[in-house]
Amino acid sequence: MLQRHHSPAGGPQEERLGAAHCAPFLFSRLPQPQLVPRPQPLSQRPRHQPGGAGPSQRLGQLWLRPLPPLHLHGPPTSPQDREPAGFPRRPAPGPVGAKLCQRNLALLWYHTVVQPFFALDGADTEAGLMEAKSILQQREATYPNSSLFTFFKGRVQRLECQISSALTSFRNALDLASEQREIQHVCLYEIGWCSMIELNFREAYRAFERLKNESRWSQCYYAYLTGVCQGASGELEGAVAVFKDVQQLYKRKNNQIELFSTKRSEKLRSPNVTKELCILSVIEILYLWKALPNSSAPTLQSMTKVLQGIDDASSTGLKYLLLGAINKYLHNIKEAVQFFHLAAQDEVGCLTNSYVQPYSCYELACVLLNSQETAARGRMLMLQTKEDYAGYDFENRLHVRIHSALASVQTSAQS
């Protein structure tokens, strides 16, 4: 239940930045210097690292929440051996080659997954995307048929809002990974997301349905994504059946995403569910996972028309929050502020959408921080949001965003 509380000044306010709690990724068995602190520019980074991994050692495990686990392995002992994880044969395998490949993958993951998660806007990721593209260009000749490098190419294209090109890359990566199930699942996940961004609900639910049936990672979450996309496409009867399955697939009781999926499905499995409410749920997912900025202006305008036609009292605050976010990305700042105010004042919807009020205050604070005249008010509202609300969905995620926003303000003040 949503609670408002006041912490004593100077009391411990942990941001809970641990990857297991707030980031959509987990690294294990990867060399941390490539990830923390931010990697050096290519011009300043040594070409090789000493102490390379052995030829048959594991390259690492990359975990991206909510993507399924992706296991990557190092090069084989001889050029004739088949290399897993989407790598073609290469002429000079060995410790140096394995280490260099490991470093490239870690950097690509950092620039296309980690950094965008913490970024406040697109400008924060521009330099990282430039370096990611540089790495991909250098590796393209060596690995022309690599499913992994093709996948990362799609990630760059998606972050640059080239959704059609990203879909092509993810489909190509899916074909190249014909014998690598884990890479297939990551590609299917991205195909589903890009399809949602383009409001192509039919292709989206087919991708998520395959994940639901094949992946053991989070069938509950994939079932929810399948249901909302299937319902948004107009196949309401099939969507209701999927929503009923979500409760049975809810196994990880302490998993925030599965808990959220289960609570949402309880409402949507009603026979009276509408196509518009399912589209609302799709837009909500895009907002929470910071995918709305990847949508084109016409697509955002189409979302606005659907949201404005929804008349559901329990979803009023959520509707205003999403309208505010969409107008912000359309650069209609005055309208965005009005919608954020309306969402923050919604007391009825906070019972079913507990995160709407604190997220609305955060969004309003971000707008205020962008102007020198209102920056002080924005910072005060940001701190108030952090201290006054607790017990809502995705609380850790919002704390990460607040931390990033305040750190950005402090950096600007010092420069």
Protein backbone atom coordinates (compact mmCIF):
# COMPACT_ATOMS: atom_id res chain seq x y z
CA MET A 1 0.00 0.00 0.00
CA LEU A 2 1.18 3.48 -0.78
CA GLN A 3 2.45 5.30 2.28
CA ARG A 4 3.67 8.79 2.88
CA HIS A 5 6.38 9.18 5.45
CA HIS A 6 8.83 11.78 6.61
CA SER A 7 12.43 10.79 7.31
CA PRO A 8 14.51 12.76 9.80
CA ALA A 9 16.96 15.15 8.25
CA GLY A 10 20.27 13.49 7.64
CA GLY A 11 18.75 10.04 8.13
CA PRO A 12 19.95 7.14 6.01
CA GLN A 13 18.44 7.40 2.56
CA GLU A 14 19.82 4.44 0.67
CA GLU A 15 19.38 4.77 -3.07
CA ARG A 16 19.57 0.99 -3.40
CA LEU A 17 21.70 1.13 -6.49
CA GLY A 18 22.58 -2.56 -6.29
CA ALA A 19 22.04 -4.22 -9.64
CA ALA A 20 19.93 -6.95 -8.09
CA HIS A 21 17.35 -4.41 -6.95
CA CYS A 22 17.10 -1.50 -9.34
CA ALA A 23 19.04 -1.95 -12.56
CA PRO A 24 17.64 -3.98 -15.44
CA PHE A 25 20.84 -5.96 -15.67
CA LEU A 26 23.22 -8.12 -13.70
CA PHE A 27 26.80 -8.81 -14.63
CA SER A 28 28.63 -11.83 -13.30
CA ARG A 29 32.13 -13.02 -14.09
CA LEU A 30 32.87 -9.89 -16.09
CA PRO A 31 35.84 -7.66 -15.32
CA GLN A 32 34.37 -4.74 -13.41
CA PRO A 33 36.87 -2.05 -14.57
CA GLN A 34 35.07 -2.02 -17.93
CA LEU A 35 31.80 -1.14 -16.23
CA VAL A 36 32.54 0.98 -13.20
CA PRO A 37 33.59 3.71 -13.58
CA ARG A 38 32.49 4.72 -17.08
CA PRO A 39 34.74 3.20 -19.74
CA GLN A 40 37.50 5.37 -21.16
CA PRO A 41 37.28 6.67 -24.72
CA LEU A 42 38.78 4.40 -27.33
CA SER A 43 41.70 6.75 -27.86
CA GLN A 44 42.70 6.47 -24.19
CA ARG A 45 42.10 2.75 -23.72
CA PRO A 46 44.95 0.20 -24.12
CA ARG A 47 44.61 -2.11 -27.09
CA HIS A 48 45.18 -5.28 -25.06
CA GLN A 49 44.81 -6.31 -21.47
CA PRO A 50 47.20 -8.65 -19.67
CA GLY A 51 46.05 -11.83 -18.05
CA GLY A 52 43.60 -12.88 -20.72
CA ALA A 53 41.16 -15.71 -20.12
CA GLY A 54 42.01 -19.21 -21.22
CA PRO A 55 40.74 -20.39 -24.60
CA SER A 56 37.91 -22.51 -23.27
CA GLN A 57 36.92 -20.37 -20.30
CA ARG A 58 33.52 -18.81 -20.11
CA LEU A 59 33.39 -15.29 -21.49
CA GLY A 60 30.77 -14.37 -18.93
CA GLN A 61 27.11 -14.25 -18.14
CA LEU A 62 25.15 -11.15 -19.03
CA TRP A 63 21.84 -10.72 -17.31
CA LEU A 64 19.42 -8.08 -18.41
CA ARG A 65 16.26 -7.72 -16.42
CA PRO A 66 13.69 -8.38 -17.74
CA LEU A 67 15.50 -10.25 -20.52
CA PRO A 68 16.30 -13.93 -20.08
CA PRO A 69 19.85 -14.89 -19.10
CA LEU A 70 22.39 -14.70 -21.90
CA HIS A 71 25.43 -16.98 -21.57
CA LEU A 72 28.48 -16.05 -23.59
CA HIS A 73 31.54 -18.21 -24.03
CA GLY A 74 35.13 -17.64 -25.06
CA PRO A 75 36.86 -18.81 -28.23
CA PRO A 76 37.65 -22.48 -28.80
CA THR A 77 41.02 -24.14 -28.64
CA SER A 78 41.38 -24.37 -32.41
CA PRO A 79 40.11 -22.40 -35.39
CA GLN A 80 38.16 -25.42 -36.58
CA ASP A 81 35.99 -25.54 -33.47
CA ARG A 82 32.59 -23.98 -33.65
CA GLU A 83 32.32 -20.83 -31.57
CA PRO A 84 29.13 -20.43 -29.54
CA ALA A 85 27.33 -17.18 -28.72
CA GLY A 86 26.99 -16.08 -32.32
CA PHE A 87 30.67 -15.75 -33.22
CA PRO A 88 32.00 -17.05 -36.55
CA ARG A 89 35.30 -18.85 -36.77
CA ARG A 90 38.27 -16.55 -36.50
CA PRO A 91 41.85 -17.17 -37.50
CA ALA A 92 43.66 -16.28 -34.28
CA PRO A 93 41.86 -17.47 -31.15
CA GLY A 94 43.62 -17.19 -27.83
CA PRO A 95 43.75 -15.29 -24.55
CA VAL A 96 44.21 -11.88 -26.17
CA GLY A 97 41.37 -12.44 -28.63
CA ALA A 98 39.07 -13.69 -25.88
CA LYS A 99 39.85 -10.72 -23.65
CA LEU A 100 39.35 -8.22 -26.45
CA CYS A 101 36.04 -9.79 -27.41
CA GLN A 102 34.96 -9.81 -23.79
CA ARG A 103 35.82 -6.15 -23.45
CA ASN A 104 33.93 -5.25 -26.63
CA LEU A 105 30.80 -7.05 -25.45
CA ALA A 106 30.97 -5.46 -22.01
CA LEU A 107 31.30 -2.00 -23.56
CA LEU A 108 28.46 -2.61 -26.00
CA TRP A 109 26.23 -3.79 -23.15
CA TYR A 110 27.20 -0.76 -21.09
CA HIS A 111 26.51 1.76 -23.85
CA THR A 112 23.31 0.22 -25.22
CA VAL A 113 21.71 -1.14 -22.03
CA VAL A 114 23.21 0.16 -18.80
CA GLN A 115 23.80 3.80 -19.67
CA PRO A 116 20.34 4.36 -21.27
CA PHE A 117 18.71 3.00 -18.13
CA PHE A 118 20.30 5.64 -15.92
CA ALA A 119 20.18 8.47 -18.46
CA LEU A 120 17.80 11.36 -17.92
CA ASP A 121 17.44 12.15 -21.63
CA GLY A 122 18.81 11.20 -25.02
CA ALA A 123 21.73 13.61 -24.75
CA ASP A 124 23.13 11.58 -21.86
CA THR A 125 23.57 8.53 -24.12
CA GLU A 126 24.81 10.19 -27.32
CA ALA A 127 28.53 9.80 -26.59
CA GLY A 128 28.05 6.17 -25.56
CA LEU A 129 26.15 5.36 -28.74
CA MET A 130 28.92 6.90 -30.83
CA GLU A 131 31.47 4.62 -29.17
CA ALA A 132 29.16 1.62 -29.55
CA LYS A 133 28.87 2.31 -33.28
CA SER A 134 32.64 2.63 -33.51
CA ILE A 135 33.10 -0.79 -31.89
CA LEU A 136 30.52 -2.36 -34.20
CA GLN A 137 32.19 -0.88 -37.28
CA GLN A 138 35.56 -2.27 -36.19
CA ARG A 139 34.14 -5.74 -35.58
CA GLU A 140 31.84 -5.95 -38.59
CA ALA A 141 34.58 -7.17 -40.94
CA THR A 142 35.82 -9.77 -38.44
CA TYR A 143 32.38 -11.02 -37.44
CA PRO A 144 30.06 -10.42 -40.41
CA ASN A 145 27.69 -13.20 -39.36
CA SER A 146 27.70 -12.71 -35.60
CA SER A 147 24.24 -12.83 -34.08
CA LEU A 148 25.48 -10.94 -31.01
CA PHE A 149 27.04 -8.03 -32.87
CA THR A 150 23.95 -7.89 -35.10
CA PHE A 151 21.84 -7.78 -31.95
CA PHE A 152 23.84 -4.83 -30.57
CA LYS A 153 23.52 -3.08 -33.90
CA GLY A 154 19.76 -3.33 -33.42
CA ARG A 155 20.07 -1.93 -29.89
CA VAL A 156 21.91 1.13 -31.23
CA GLN A 157 19.30 1.62 -33.95
CA ARG A 158 16.48 1.34 -31.46
CA LEU A 159 18.05 3.95 -29.17
CA GLU A 160 18.43 6.23 -32.19
CA CYS A 161 14.68 5.77 -32.84
CA GLN A 162 15.30 3.86 -36.09
CA ILE A 163 12.74 1.25 -35.13
CA SER A 164 12.22 -0.28 -38.58
CA SER A 165 15.97 -0.75 -39.03
CA ALA A 166 16.25 -2.13 -35.50
CA LEU A 167 13.55 -4.69 -36.26
CA THR A 168 15.47 -5.79 -39.35
CA SER A 169 18.65 -6.22 -37.31
CA PHE A 170 16.90 -8.19 -34.57
CA ARG A 171 15.25 -10.47 -37.14
CA ASN A 172 18.61 -11.04 -38.82
CA ALA A 173 20.19 -11.79 -35.45
CA LEU A 174 17.36 -14.22 -34.73
CA ASP A 175 18.04 -16.07 -37.99
CA LEU A 176 21.79 -16.16 -37.32
CA ALA A 177 21.18 -17.61 -33.85
CA SER A 178 19.30 -20.63 -35.20
CA GLU A 179 21.13 -22.98 -32.81
CA GLN A 180 21.50 -20.61 -29.86
CA ARG A 181 18.29 -20.54 -27.88
CA GLU A 182 19.29 -17.85 -25.38
CA ILE A 183 20.25 -15.36 -28.09
CA GLN A 184 17.00 -16.17 -29.87
CA HIS A 185 15.08 -15.23 -26.74
CA VAL A 186 16.86 -11.89 -26.36
CA CYS A 187 16.15 -11.11 -30.02
CA LEU A 188 12.50 -12.12 -29.66
CA TYR A 189 12.20 -9.85 -26.65
CA GLU A 190 13.53 -6.89 -28.64
CA ILE A 191 11.29 -7.73 -31.61
CA GLY A 192 8.33 -7.67 -29.25
CA TRP A 193 9.37 -4.34 -27.78
CA CYS A 194 10.05 -2.67 -31.12
CA SER A 195 6.68 -3.90 -32.34
CA MET A 196 5.01 -2.40 -29.28
CA ILE A 197 6.80 0.89 -29.91
CA GLU A 198 5.36 0.91 -33.44
CA LEU A 199 1.94 -0.17 -32.08
CA ASN A 200 2.17 -3.35 -34.15
CA PHE A 201 0.44 -5.38 -31.47
CA ARG A 202 -0.07 -8.57 -33.47
CA GLU A 203 3.63 -9.13 -34.14
CA ALA A 204 4.43 -8.10 -30.57
CA TYR A 205 2.17 -10.66 -28.95
CA ARG A 206 3.45 -13.42 -31.23
CA ALA A 207 7.03 -12.71 -30.13
CA PHE A 208 6.07 -12.65 -26.45
CA GLU A 209 3.89 -15.73 -26.83
CA ARG A 210 6.86 -17.66 -28.14
CA LEU A 211 8.91 -16.45 -25.18
CA LYS A 212 6.14 -17.51 -22.82
CA ASN A 213 6.16 -21.00 -24.30
CA GLU A 214 9.92 -21.46 -24.70
CA SER A 215 11.59 -19.48 -21.93
CA ARG A 216 11.74 -20.65 -18.35
CA TRP A 217 12.95 -17.32 -17.07
CA SER A 218 9.66 -15.48 -16.37
CA GLN A 219 6.62 -17.04 -17.98
CA CYS A 220 4.41 -14.87 -15.79
CA TYR A 221 5.84 -11.64 -17.17
CA TYR A 222 5.87 -12.88 -20.75
CA ALA A 223 2.28 -14.06 -20.38
CA TYR A 224 1.26 -10.58 -19.27
CA LEU A 225 3.02 -8.98 -22.24
CA THR A 226 1.35 -11.52 -24.52
CA GLY A 227 -2.07 -10.74 -23.05
CA VAL A 228 -1.91 -6.94 -23.27
CA CYS A 229 -0.57 -7.02 -26.84
CA GLN A 230 -3.12 -9.63 -27.92
CA GLY A 231 -5.92 -7.60 -26.35
CA ALA A 232 -4.59 -4.39 -27.93
CA SER A 233 -4.76 -6.10 -31.32
CA GLY A 234 -8.48 -6.75 -30.74
CA GLU A 235 -8.31 -10.46 -29.86
CA LEU A 236 -9.95 -9.94 -26.48
CA GLU A 237 -11.15 -13.50 -25.90
CA GLY A 238 -7.67 -14.92 -26.33
CA ALA A 239 -6.21 -12.13 -24.20
CA VAL A 240 -8.57 -12.87 -21.30
CA ALA A 241 -7.53 -16.53 -21.41
CA VAL A 242 -3.87 -15.52 -21.21
CA PHE A 243 -4.54 -13.13 -18.31
CA LYS A 244 -6.11 -16.02 -16.40
CA ASP A 245 -2.90 -18.01 -16.90
CA VAL A 246 -0.75 -15.25 -15.38
CA GLN A 247 -1.84 -16.05 -11.82
CA GLN A 248 -0.89 -19.71 -12.24
CA LEU A 249 2.51 -18.73 -13.66
CA TYR A 250 3.26 -16.37 -10.76
CA LYS A 251 6.01 -18.29 -8.96
CA ARG A 252 8.64 -15.79 -7.83
CA LYS A 253 6.71 -14.08 -5.05
CA ASN A 254 9.37 -11.46 -4.32
CA ASN A 255 9.84 -10.48 -7.96
CA GLN A 256 8.55 -6.96 -8.50
CA ILE A 257 7.82 -7.40 -12.21
CA GLU A 258 5.89 -10.63 -11.74
CA LEU A 259 3.90 -9.11 -8.87
CA PHE A 260 3.04 -6.11 -11.04
CA SER A 261 2.03 -8.40 -13.93
CA THR A 262 -0.20 -10.46 -11.65
CA LYS A 263 -1.98 -7.43 -10.17
CA ARG A 264 -2.59 -5.94 -13.60
CA SER A 265 -3.91 -9.24 -14.97
CA GLU A 266 -6.48 -9.53 -12.19
CA LYS A 267 -8.22 -6.46 -13.59
CA LEU A 268 -7.76 -7.20 -17.28
CA ARG A 269 -9.03 -10.78 -17.16
CA SER A 270 -12.58 -9.48 -16.77
CA PRO A 271 -14.90 -10.34 -19.68
CA ASN A 272 -15.64 -6.60 -19.92
CA VAL A 273 -12.06 -5.68 -20.76
CA THR A 274 -11.74 -3.40 -23.77
CA LYS A 275 -9.17 -3.00 -26.50
CA GLU A 276 -8.50 0.55 -25.28
CA LEU A 277 -7.64 -0.60 -21.74
CA CYS A 278 -5.17 -3.11 -23.19
CA ILE A 279 -3.56 -0.35 -25.26
CA LEU A 280 -3.39 1.74 -22.07
CA SER A 281 -1.50 -1.13 -20.44
CA VAL A 282 0.91 -1.35 -23.39
CA ILE A 283 1.64 2.40 -23.18
CA GLU A 284 2.13 2.03 -19.43
CA ILE A 285 4.78 -0.65 -20.01
CA LEU A 286 6.52 1.54 -22.59
CA TYR A 287 6.58 4.39 -20.08
CA LEU A 288 7.86 2.35 -17.13
CA TRP A 289 10.63 0.80 -19.23
CA LYS A 290 11.58 4.20 -20.72
CA ALA A 291 10.69 3.21 -24.29
CA LEU A 292 8.35 6.11 -25.09
CA PRO A 293 11.26 8.32 -26.26
CA ASN A 294 11.94 5.72 -28.98
CA SER A 295 8.48 6.29 -30.48
CA SER A 296 7.97 8.59 -33.45
CA ALA A 297 5.86 11.74 -33.17
CA PRO A 298 2.95 10.25 -35.22
CA THR A 299 2.96 7.16 -33.00
CA LEU A 300 2.92 9.30 -29.85
CA GLN A 301 0.01 11.29 -31.27
CA SER A 302 -1.86 8.04 -31.96
CA MET A 303 -1.31 7.03 -28.33
CA THR A 304 -2.70 10.39 -27.22
CA LYS A 305 -5.93 9.85 -29.15
CA VAL A 306 -6.47 6.44 -27.58
CA LEU A 307 -5.76 7.68 -24.05
CA GLN A 308 -8.08 10.67 -24.38
CA GLY A 309 -10.94 8.32 -25.27
CA ILE A 310 -10.56 6.15 -22.15
CA ASP A 311 -13.17 6.77 -19.45
CA ASP A 312 -12.23 4.51 -16.55
CA ALA A 313 -12.25 6.07 -13.09
CA SER A 314 -9.63 3.70 -11.67
CA SER A 315 -7.24 4.56 -14.51
CA THR A 316 -7.71 8.34 -14.56
CA GLY A 317 -4.46 9.19 -12.80
CA LEU A 318 -2.50 6.71 -14.89
CA LYS A 319 -4.00 8.15 -18.07
CA TYR A 320 -2.95 11.68 -17.07
CA LEU A 321 0.58 10.52 -16.19
CA LEU A 322 0.98 8.88 -19.60
CA LEU A 323 -0.50 11.89 -21.39
CA GLY A 324 1.95 14.10 -19.53
CA ALA A 325 4.91 11.93 -20.52
CA ILE A 326 3.82 11.79 -24.16
CA ASN A 327 3.36 15.57 -24.33
CA LYS A 328 6.80 16.03 -22.76
CA TYR A 329 8.37 13.95 -25.51
CA LEU A 330 6.35 15.92 -28.07
CA HIS A 331 7.81 19.10 -26.50
CA ASN A 332 4.37 20.33 -25.42
CA ILE A 333 5.72 21.33 -22.01
CA LYS A 334 2.75 23.42 -20.88
CA GLU A 335 0.30 20.59 -21.56
CA ALA A 336 2.68 18.08 -19.95
CA VAL A 337 2.81 20.10 -16.72
CA GLN A 338 -0.99 20.29 -16.60
CA PHE A 339 -1.34 16.53 -16.99
CA PHE A 340 1.32 15.81 -14.37
CA HIS A 341 -0.55 18.07 -11.93
CA LEU A 342 -3.81 16.22 -12.61
CA ALA A 343 -2.13 12.84 -12.14
CA ALA A 344 -0.52 13.89 -8.86
CA GLN A 345 -3.90 15.00 -7.52
CA ASP A 346 -5.67 11.73 -8.30
CA GLU A 347 -6.57 10.11 -4.97
CA VAL A 348 -8.95 7.46 -6.31
CA GLY A 349 -6.59 5.78 -8.73
CA CYS A 350 -3.69 5.60 -6.25
CA LEU A 351 -5.29 2.52 -4.70
CA THR A 352 -4.86 0.50 -7.89
CA ASN A 353 -1.95 2.44 -9.42
CA SER A 354 0.18 3.20 -6.39
CA TYR A 355 3.16 4.56 -8.31
CA VAL A 356 1.26 7.23 -10.27
CA GLN A 357 1.45 10.03 -7.68
CA PRO A 358 5.20 9.77 -6.87
CA TYR A 359 6.09 9.31 -10.53
CA SER A 360 3.97 12.33 -11.48
CA CYS A 361 5.74 14.46 -8.87
CA TYR A 362 9.09 13.24 -10.19
CA GLU A 363 8.15 14.08 -13.78
CA LEU A 364 6.96 17.53 -12.73
CA ALA A 365 10.19 18.09 -10.83
CA CYS A 366 12.21 17.15 -13.94
CA VAL A 367 10.37 19.78 -15.96
CA LEU A 368 11.02 22.41 -13.29
CA LEU A 369 14.72 21.50 -13.17
CA ASN A 370 15.08 22.40 -16.85
CA SER A 371 14.54 26.09 -16.16
CA GLN A 372 16.80 28.31 -14.07
CA GLU A 373 13.80 30.19 -12.68
CA THR A 374 12.15 27.01 -11.35
CA ALA A 375 15.22 24.80 -10.71
CA ALA A 376 15.13 25.36 -6.94
CA ARG A 377 11.46 24.36 -6.79
CA GLY A 378 12.22 21.32 -8.92
CA ARG A 379 14.98 20.15 -6.62
CA MET A 380 12.76 20.64 -3.57
CA LEU A 381 9.94 18.66 -5.20
CA MET A 382 12.40 15.92 -6.17
CA LEU A 383 13.58 15.54 -2.58
CA GLN A 384 10.03 15.71 -1.27
CA THR A 385 8.96 12.94 -3.65
CA LYS A 386 11.79 10.76 -2.42
CA GLU A 387 10.98 11.31 1.25
CA ASP A 388 7.17 11.48 1.28
CA TYR A 389 6.25 8.34 -0.65
CA ALA A 390 6.96 4.71 0.11
CA GLY A 391 5.53 1.28 -0.57
CA TYR A 392 4.55 1.85 -4.20
CA ASP A 393 5.30 -0.20 -7.29
CA PHE A 394 8.75 0.28 -8.81
CA GLU A 395 9.91 2.41 -5.89
CA ASN A 396 13.56 1.37 -6.32
CA ARG A 397 13.42 2.28 -9.97
CA LEU A 398 12.20 5.79 -9.20
CA HIS A 399 14.87 6.23 -6.52
CA VAL A 400 17.50 5.48 -9.15
CA ARG A 401 16.04 8.14 -11.44
CA ILE A 402 15.86 10.67 -8.62
CA HIS A 403 19.47 9.94 -7.71
CA SER A 404 20.53 10.46 -11.34
CA ALA A 405 18.57 13.72 -11.61
CA LEU A 406 20.00 15.18 -8.41
CA ALA A 407 23.52 14.10 -9.34
CA SER A 408 23.11 15.81 -12.71
CA VAL A 409 21.97 19.01 -11.02
CA GLN A 410 24.94 18.92 -8.66
CA THR A 411 27.35 18.36 -11.54
CA SER A 412 25.86 21.29 -13.48
CA ALA A 413 26.14 23.54 -10.44
CA GLN A 414 29.83 22.71 -10.00
CA SER A 415 30.73 23.27 -13.64
